[in-house]
Amino acid sequence: VLVFLVLTFIGRPVAVLLCTVVGNFSWKDRLFMSWSGIRGAVPIVLATYPLAAGVKYSHEIFNIIFFAVTLSVLVQGTTIGKLANLLKLATKAKPKSKHSMELVTMLESNLELIEVTIDEEFYTGQVAISMLDLPENTTITMINRKEEILAPSGSTVLLPGDVLFILVVPHKIKEVKEAIFKNFTKKESA
């Protein structure tokens, strides 16, 4: 129990703070990562190494680690969702679209078909396709809007909630996404 308490309330939070000092993480993110714990098979597998090597007290080491991991799963694993909700880090599961598109070609192609979602939970605003500064050889081929398929034209207005299917040269994917999302306002996080 002592090992679990020390790892949970001292060791992991200090490690997370040190590892995220250079990143752009909020205190909510850091707290959430600190509570994630030592769940899983990796610590238990690592605890078998002393057993295999015949190290003195290896059975006790294994039992302590196994117990600490079990406690972590029971305590942290069952409360992580509640913490995510409390910190307002949880998002609703997105319903799976009934419509999808796949690029199938018998010829060599330098294009890739990507799916870009303008998530209405995070973005507001609207923009006509003709106003987008898309790279050359980029085509928005289909828009899925609230279970309706739209064949886009330059006058089509993109809205939050739209799922776009876009033909693009692979090295231009980031540029395409930036050209779309710079036209929408990111909602303030709670």
C-alpha atoms as a PDB file:
ATOM      1  CA  VAL A   1       0.000   0.000   0.000  1.00  0.00           C
ATOM      2  CA  LEU A   2       2.864   2.369   0.844  1.00  0.00           C
ATOM      3  CA  VAL A   3       4.466   1.786  -2.592  1.00  0.00           C
ATOM      4  CA  PHE A   4       1.130   2.572  -4.272  1.00  0.00           C
ATOM      5  CA  LEU A   5       0.635   5.751  -2.216  1.00  0.00           C
ATOM      6  CA  VAL A   6       4.178   7.036  -2.840  1.00  0.00           C
ATOM      7  CA  LEU A   7       4.007   6.315  -6.582  1.00  0.00           C
ATOM      8  CA  THR A   8       0.515   7.782  -6.942  1.00  0.00           C
ATOM      9  CA  PHE A   9       0.824  10.953  -4.917  1.00  0.00           C
ATOM     10  CA  ILE A  10       4.558  11.785  -5.140  1.00  0.00           C
ATOM     11  CA  GLY A  11       6.521   9.826  -7.751  1.00  0.00           C
ATOM     12  CA  ARG A  12       4.243  10.030 -10.759  1.00  0.00           C
ATOM     13  CA  PRO A  13       3.158  13.696 -10.279  1.00  0.00           C
ATOM     14  CA  VAL A  14       6.795  14.801  -9.928  1.00  0.00           C
ATOM     15  CA  ALA A  15       7.791  12.755 -13.002  1.00  0.00           C
ATOM     16  CA  VAL A  16       4.897  14.177 -15.041  1.00  0.00           C
ATOM     17  CA  LEU A  17       5.740  17.751 -14.020  1.00  0.00           C
ATOM     18  CA  LEU A  18       9.400  17.287 -14.955  1.00  0.00           C
ATOM     19  CA  CYS A  19       8.583  15.632 -18.289  1.00  0.00           C
ATOM     20  CA  THR A  20       5.978  18.217 -19.317  1.00  0.00           C
ATOM     21  CA  VAL A  21       7.826  21.369 -18.283  1.00  0.00           C
ATOM     22  CA  VAL A  22       8.871  22.069 -21.895  1.00  0.00           C
ATOM     23  CA  GLY A  23       5.524  21.110 -23.430  1.00  0.00           C
ATOM     24  CA  ASN A  24       2.464  23.253 -23.862  1.00  0.00           C
ATOM     25  CA  PHE A  25       0.345  21.409 -21.276  1.00  0.00           C
ATOM     26  CA  SER A  26      -2.235  22.981 -19.016  1.00  0.00           C
ATOM     27  CA  TRP A  27      -2.414  22.155 -15.316  1.00  0.00           C
ATOM     28  CA  LYS A  28      -5.549  20.143 -16.072  1.00  0.00           C
ATOM     29  CA  ASP A  29      -3.592  18.037 -18.578  1.00  0.00           C
ATOM     30  CA  ARG A  30      -0.750  17.512 -16.113  1.00  0.00           C
ATOM     31  CA  LEU A  31      -3.108  16.521 -13.307  1.00  0.00           C
ATOM     32  CA  PHE A  32      -4.873  14.073 -15.606  1.00  0.00           C
ATOM     33  CA  MET A  33      -1.575  12.504 -16.728  1.00  0.00           C
ATOM     34  CA  SER A  34      -0.444  12.260 -13.107  1.00  0.00           C
ATOM     35  CA  TRP A  35      -3.567  10.296 -12.217  1.00  0.00           C
ATOM     36  CA  SER A  36      -3.146   7.859 -15.125  1.00  0.00           C
ATOM     37  CA  GLY A  37      -1.090   5.509 -12.976  1.00  0.00           C
ATOM     38  CA  ILE A  38       0.954   2.351 -13.486  1.00  0.00           C
ATOM     39  CA  ARG A  39      -1.768   0.154 -14.904  1.00  0.00           C
ATOM     40  CA  GLY A  40      -1.002  -2.659 -17.265  1.00  0.00           C
ATOM     41  CA  ALA A  41       1.195  -5.642 -17.858  1.00  0.00           C
ATOM     42  CA  VAL A  42       4.522  -3.835 -18.381  1.00  0.00           C
ATOM     43  CA  PRO A  43       5.375  -3.295 -14.678  1.00  0.00           C
ATOM     44  CA  ILE A  44       4.341  -6.865 -13.900  1.00  0.00           C
ATOM     45  CA  VAL A  45       6.458  -8.270 -16.747  1.00  0.00           C
ATOM     46  CA  LEU A  46       9.415  -6.166 -15.574  1.00  0.00           C
ATOM     47  CA  ALA A  47       8.895  -7.536 -12.064  1.00  0.00           C
ATOM     48  CA  THR A  48       9.406 -11.069 -13.400  1.00  0.00           C
ATOM     49  CA  TYR A  49      13.016 -10.287 -14.397  1.00  0.00           C
ATOM     50  CA  PRO A  50      14.351 -10.517 -10.835  1.00  0.00           C
ATOM     51  CA  LEU A  51      12.430 -13.812 -10.477  1.00  0.00           C
ATOM     52  CA  ALA A  52      14.035 -15.202 -13.632  1.00  0.00           C
ATOM     53  CA  ALA A  53      17.482 -14.028 -12.519  1.00  0.00           C
ATOM     54  CA  GLY A  54      17.096 -15.627  -9.087  1.00  0.00           C
ATOM     55  CA  VAL A  55      17.594 -12.341  -7.228  1.00  0.00           C
ATOM     56  CA  LYS A  56      17.224 -12.507  -3.460  1.00  0.00           C
ATOM     57  CA  TYR A  57      13.741 -11.371  -2.309  1.00  0.00           C
ATOM     58  CA  SER A  58      12.506 -11.487  -5.916  1.00  0.00           C
ATOM     59  CA  HIS A  59       9.191 -13.062  -4.819  1.00  0.00           C
ATOM     60  CA  GLU A  60       8.599 -10.171  -2.436  1.00  0.00           C
ATOM     61  CA  ILE A  61       9.518  -7.634  -5.135  1.00  0.00           C
ATOM     62  CA  PHE A  62       7.087  -9.275  -7.545  1.00  0.00           C
ATOM     63  CA  ASN A  63       4.288  -9.389  -4.956  1.00  0.00           C
ATOM     64  CA  ILE A  64       4.754  -5.714  -4.035  1.00  0.00           C
ATOM     65  CA  ILE A  65       4.689  -4.604  -7.680  1.00  0.00           C
ATOM     66  CA  PHE A  66       1.736  -6.848  -8.514  1.00  0.00           C
ATOM     67  CA  PHE A  67      -0.211  -5.460  -5.551  1.00  0.00           C
ATOM     68  CA  ALA A  68       0.676  -1.832  -6.438  1.00  0.00           C
ATOM     69  CA  VAL A  69      -0.433  -2.340 -10.063  1.00  0.00           C
ATOM     70  CA  THR A  70      -3.660  -4.024  -8.932  1.00  0.00           C
ATOM     71  CA  LEU A  71      -4.418  -1.140  -6.557  1.00  0.00           C
ATOM     72  CA  SER A  72      -3.660   1.353  -9.326  1.00  0.00           C
ATOM     73  CA  VAL A  73      -6.067  -0.395 -11.693  1.00  0.00           C
ATOM     74  CA  LEU A  74      -8.782  -0.533  -9.055  1.00  0.00           C
ATOM     75  CA  VAL A  75      -8.425   3.027  -7.746  1.00  0.00           C
ATOM     76  CA  GLN A  76      -7.144   5.071 -10.673  1.00  0.00           C
ATOM     77  CA  GLY A  77      -8.651   2.966 -13.435  1.00  0.00           C
ATOM     78  CA  THR A  78     -12.155   3.260 -12.029  1.00  0.00           C
ATOM     79  CA  THR A  79     -11.904   7.007 -11.369  1.00  0.00           C
ATOM     80  CA  ILE A  80     -10.046   8.268 -14.464  1.00  0.00           C
ATOM     81  CA  GLY A  81     -13.275   8.897 -16.410  1.00  0.00           C
ATOM     82  CA  LYS A  82     -14.778  10.856 -13.540  1.00  0.00           C
ATOM     83  CA  LEU A  83     -11.593  12.944 -13.282  1.00  0.00           C
ATOM     84  CA  ALA A  84     -11.659  13.643 -17.043  1.00  0.00           C
ATOM     85  CA  ASN A  85     -15.260  14.853 -16.712  1.00  0.00           C
ATOM     86  CA  LEU A  86     -14.449  16.920 -13.609  1.00  0.00           C
ATOM     87  CA  LEU A  87     -11.523  18.602 -15.389  1.00  0.00           C
ATOM     88  CA  LYS A  88     -13.675  19.030 -18.520  1.00  0.00           C
ATOM     89  CA  LEU A  89     -11.169  17.067 -20.613  1.00  0.00           C
ATOM     90  CA  ALA A  90     -13.628  14.400 -21.744  1.00  0.00           C
ATOM     91  CA  THR A  91     -15.373  14.712 -25.082  1.00  0.00           C
ATOM     92  CA  LYS A  92     -18.485  13.004 -26.342  1.00  0.00           C
ATOM     93  CA  ALA A  93     -18.001  10.019 -28.623  1.00  0.00           C
ATOM     94  CA  LYS A  94     -18.617  11.064 -32.197  1.00  0.00           C
ATOM     95  CA  PRO A  95     -21.297   9.078 -34.006  1.00  0.00           C
ATOM     96  CA  LYS A  96     -19.821   7.021 -36.820  1.00  0.00           C
ATOM     97  CA  SER A  97     -20.728   8.447 -40.204  1.00  0.00           C
ATOM     98  CA  LYS A  98     -23.010   6.301 -42.344  1.00  0.00           C
ATOM     99  CA  HIS A  99     -21.175   7.507 -45.441  1.00  0.00           C
ATOM    100  CA  SER A 100     -17.538   7.047 -46.293  1.00  0.00           C
ATOM    101  CA  MET A 101     -15.376   7.137 -49.360  1.00  0.00           C
ATOM    102  CA  GLU A 102     -12.346   5.151 -50.445  1.00  0.00           C
ATOM    103  CA  LEU A 103      -9.914   5.793 -53.280  1.00  0.00           C
ATOM    104  CA  VAL A 104      -9.449   2.637 -55.339  1.00  0.00           C
ATOM    105  CA  THR A 105      -7.373   2.905 -58.487  1.00  0.00           C
ATOM    106  CA  MET A 106      -5.599   0.466 -60.764  1.00  0.00           C
ATOM    107  CA  LEU A 107      -3.174   3.168 -61.870  1.00  0.00           C
ATOM    108  CA  GLU A 108      -0.342   4.801 -59.996  1.00  0.00           C
ATOM    109  CA  SER A 109      -1.620   7.885 -58.220  1.00  0.00           C
ATOM    110  CA  ASN A 110       0.183  10.678 -56.451  1.00  0.00           C
ATOM    111  CA  LEU A 111      -3.064  11.630 -54.688  1.00  0.00           C
ATOM    112  CA  GLU A 112      -4.483  10.482 -51.401  1.00  0.00           C
ATOM    113  CA  LEU A 113      -8.097  10.657 -50.249  1.00  0.00           C
ATOM    114  CA  ILE A 114      -8.314  12.118 -46.744  1.00  0.00           C
ATOM    115  CA  GLU A 115     -11.202  12.754 -44.391  1.00  0.00           C
ATOM    116  CA  VAL A 116     -11.282  16.060 -42.504  1.00  0.00           C
ATOM    117  CA  THR A 117     -13.890  16.736 -39.815  1.00  0.00           C
ATOM    118  CA  ILE A 118     -14.747  20.289 -38.823  1.00  0.00           C
ATOM    119  CA  ASP A 119     -15.679  19.379 -35.261  1.00  0.00           C
ATOM    120  CA  GLU A 120     -18.624  21.485 -34.105  1.00  0.00           C
ATOM    121  CA  GLU A 121     -17.555  20.955 -30.508  1.00  0.00           C
ATOM    122  CA  PHE A 122     -14.346  22.902 -31.155  1.00  0.00           C
ATOM    123  CA  TYR A 123     -15.038  25.265 -34.078  1.00  0.00           C
ATOM    124  CA  THR A 124     -17.517  28.013 -35.028  1.00  0.00           C
ATOM    125  CA  GLY A 125     -17.986  30.029 -38.204  1.00  0.00           C
ATOM    126  CA  GLN A 126     -18.398  29.192 -41.866  1.00  0.00           C
ATOM    127  CA  VAL A 127     -16.573  29.655 -45.152  1.00  0.00           C
ATOM    128  CA  ALA A 128     -17.367  29.186 -48.841  1.00  0.00           C
ATOM    129  CA  ILE A 129     -15.100  26.699 -50.605  1.00  0.00           C
ATOM    130  CA  SER A 130     -14.181  29.403 -53.159  1.00  0.00           C
ATOM    131  CA  MET A 131     -12.651  31.438 -50.311  1.00  0.00           C
ATOM    132  CA  LEU A 132     -10.266  28.639 -49.273  1.00  0.00           C
ATOM    133  CA  ASP A 133      -6.623  28.999 -50.256  1.00  0.00           C
ATOM    134  CA  LEU A 134      -6.164  25.313 -51.108  1.00  0.00           C
ATOM    135  CA  PRO A 135      -2.947  24.049 -52.722  1.00  0.00           C
ATOM    136  CA  GLU A 136      -2.935  23.178 -56.421  1.00  0.00           C
ATOM    137  CA  ASN A 137      -4.276  19.681 -57.293  1.00  0.00           C
ATOM    138  CA  THR A 138      -6.547  19.612 -54.235  1.00  0.00           C
ATOM    139  CA  THR A 139     -10.220  18.743 -54.657  1.00  0.00           C
ATOM    140  CA  ILE A 140     -12.986  18.514 -52.073  1.00  0.00           C
ATOM    141  CA  THR A 141     -14.866  15.557 -53.560  1.00  0.00           C
ATOM    142  CA  MET A 142     -17.707  15.083 -51.090  1.00  0.00           C
ATOM    143  CA  ILE A 143     -19.166  16.643 -47.953  1.00  0.00           C
ATOM    144  CA  ASN A 144     -21.096  14.661 -45.372  1.00  0.00           C
ATOM    145  CA  ARG A 145     -23.375  17.070 -43.510  1.00  0.00           C
ATOM    146  CA  LYS A 146     -25.703  15.660 -40.847  1.00  0.00           C
ATOM    147  CA  GLU A 147     -26.166  12.351 -42.703  1.00  0.00           C
ATOM    148  CA  GLU A 148     -26.660  14.120 -46.037  1.00  0.00           C
ATOM    149  CA  ILE A 149     -24.208  13.840 -48.929  1.00  0.00           C
ATOM    150  CA  LEU A 150     -23.323  17.089 -50.708  1.00  0.00           C
ATOM    151  CA  ALA A 151     -21.528  17.414 -54.042  1.00  0.00           C
ATOM    152  CA  PRO A 152     -19.456  20.534 -53.372  1.00  0.00           C
ATOM    153  CA  SER A 153     -18.951  23.502 -55.662  1.00  0.00           C
ATOM    154  CA  GLY A 154     -17.135  26.782 -55.100  1.00  0.00           C
ATOM    155  CA  SER A 155     -20.255  28.364 -53.622  1.00  0.00           C
ATOM    156  CA  THR A 156     -20.797  25.551 -51.107  1.00  0.00           C
ATOM    157  CA  VAL A 157     -20.429  26.882 -47.560  1.00  0.00           C
ATOM    158  CA  LEU A 158     -18.515  24.719 -45.088  1.00  0.00           C
ATOM    159  CA  LEU A 159     -19.980  24.527 -41.584  1.00  0.00           C
ATOM    160  CA  PRO A 160     -18.911  23.057 -38.247  1.00  0.00           C
ATOM    161  CA  GLY A 161     -20.010  19.419 -38.195  1.00  0.00           C
ATOM    162  CA  ASP A 162     -19.123  18.854 -41.862  1.00  0.00           C
ATOM    163  CA  VAL A 163     -16.977  15.874 -42.823  1.00  0.00           C
ATOM    164  CA  LEU A 164     -14.939  16.617 -45.946  1.00  0.00           C
ATOM    165  CA  PHE A 165     -13.427  14.037 -48.293  1.00  0.00           C
ATOM    166  CA  ILE A 166     -10.477  15.602 -50.083  1.00  0.00           C
ATOM    167  CA  LEU A 167      -8.114  14.428 -52.826  1.00  0.00           C
ATOM    168  CA  VAL A 168      -4.674  15.812 -52.057  1.00  0.00           C
ATOM    169  CA  VAL A 169      -0.985  15.255 -52.719  1.00  0.00           C
ATOM    170  CA  PRO A 170       0.290  13.545 -49.517  1.00  0.00           C
ATOM    171  CA  HIS A 171       2.939  16.161 -48.694  1.00  0.00           C
ATOM    172  CA  LYS A 172       0.250  18.890 -48.843  1.00  0.00           C
ATOM    173  CA  ILE A 173      -2.124  17.342 -46.251  1.00  0.00           C
ATOM    174  CA  LYS A 174      -1.011  19.643 -43.432  1.00  0.00           C
ATOM    175  CA  GLU A 175      -1.277  22.699 -45.699  1.00  0.00           C
ATOM    176  CA  VAL A 176      -4.830  21.691 -46.733  1.00  0.00           C
ATOM    177  CA  LYS A 177      -5.963  21.291 -43.125  1.00  0.00           C
ATOM    178  CA  GLU A 178      -4.430  24.651 -42.181  1.00  0.00           C
ATOM    179  CA  ALA A 179      -6.159  26.336 -45.160  1.00  0.00           C
ATOM    180  CA  ILE A 180      -9.514  25.000 -43.949  1.00  0.00           C
ATOM    181  CA  PHE A 181      -9.206  25.502 -40.199  1.00  0.00           C
ATOM    182  CA  LYS A 182      -7.764  29.034 -40.343  1.00  0.00           C
ATOM    183  CA  ASN A 183     -11.218  30.123 -41.550  1.00  0.00           C
ATOM    184  CA  PHE A 184     -12.957  28.859 -38.420  1.00  0.00           C
ATOM    185  CA  THR A 185     -12.813  30.247 -34.905  1.00  0.00           C
ATOM    186  CA  LYS A 186     -11.699  27.849 -32.217  1.00  0.00           C
ATOM    187  CA  LYS A 187     -14.164  27.801 -29.329  1.00  0.00           C
ATOM    188  CA  GLU A 188     -12.884  28.831 -25.904  1.00  0.00           C
ATOM    189  CA  SER A 189     -12.226  25.755 -23.750  1.00  0.00           C
ATOM    190  CA  ALA A 190     -14.108  25.632 -20.469  1.00  0.00           C
END
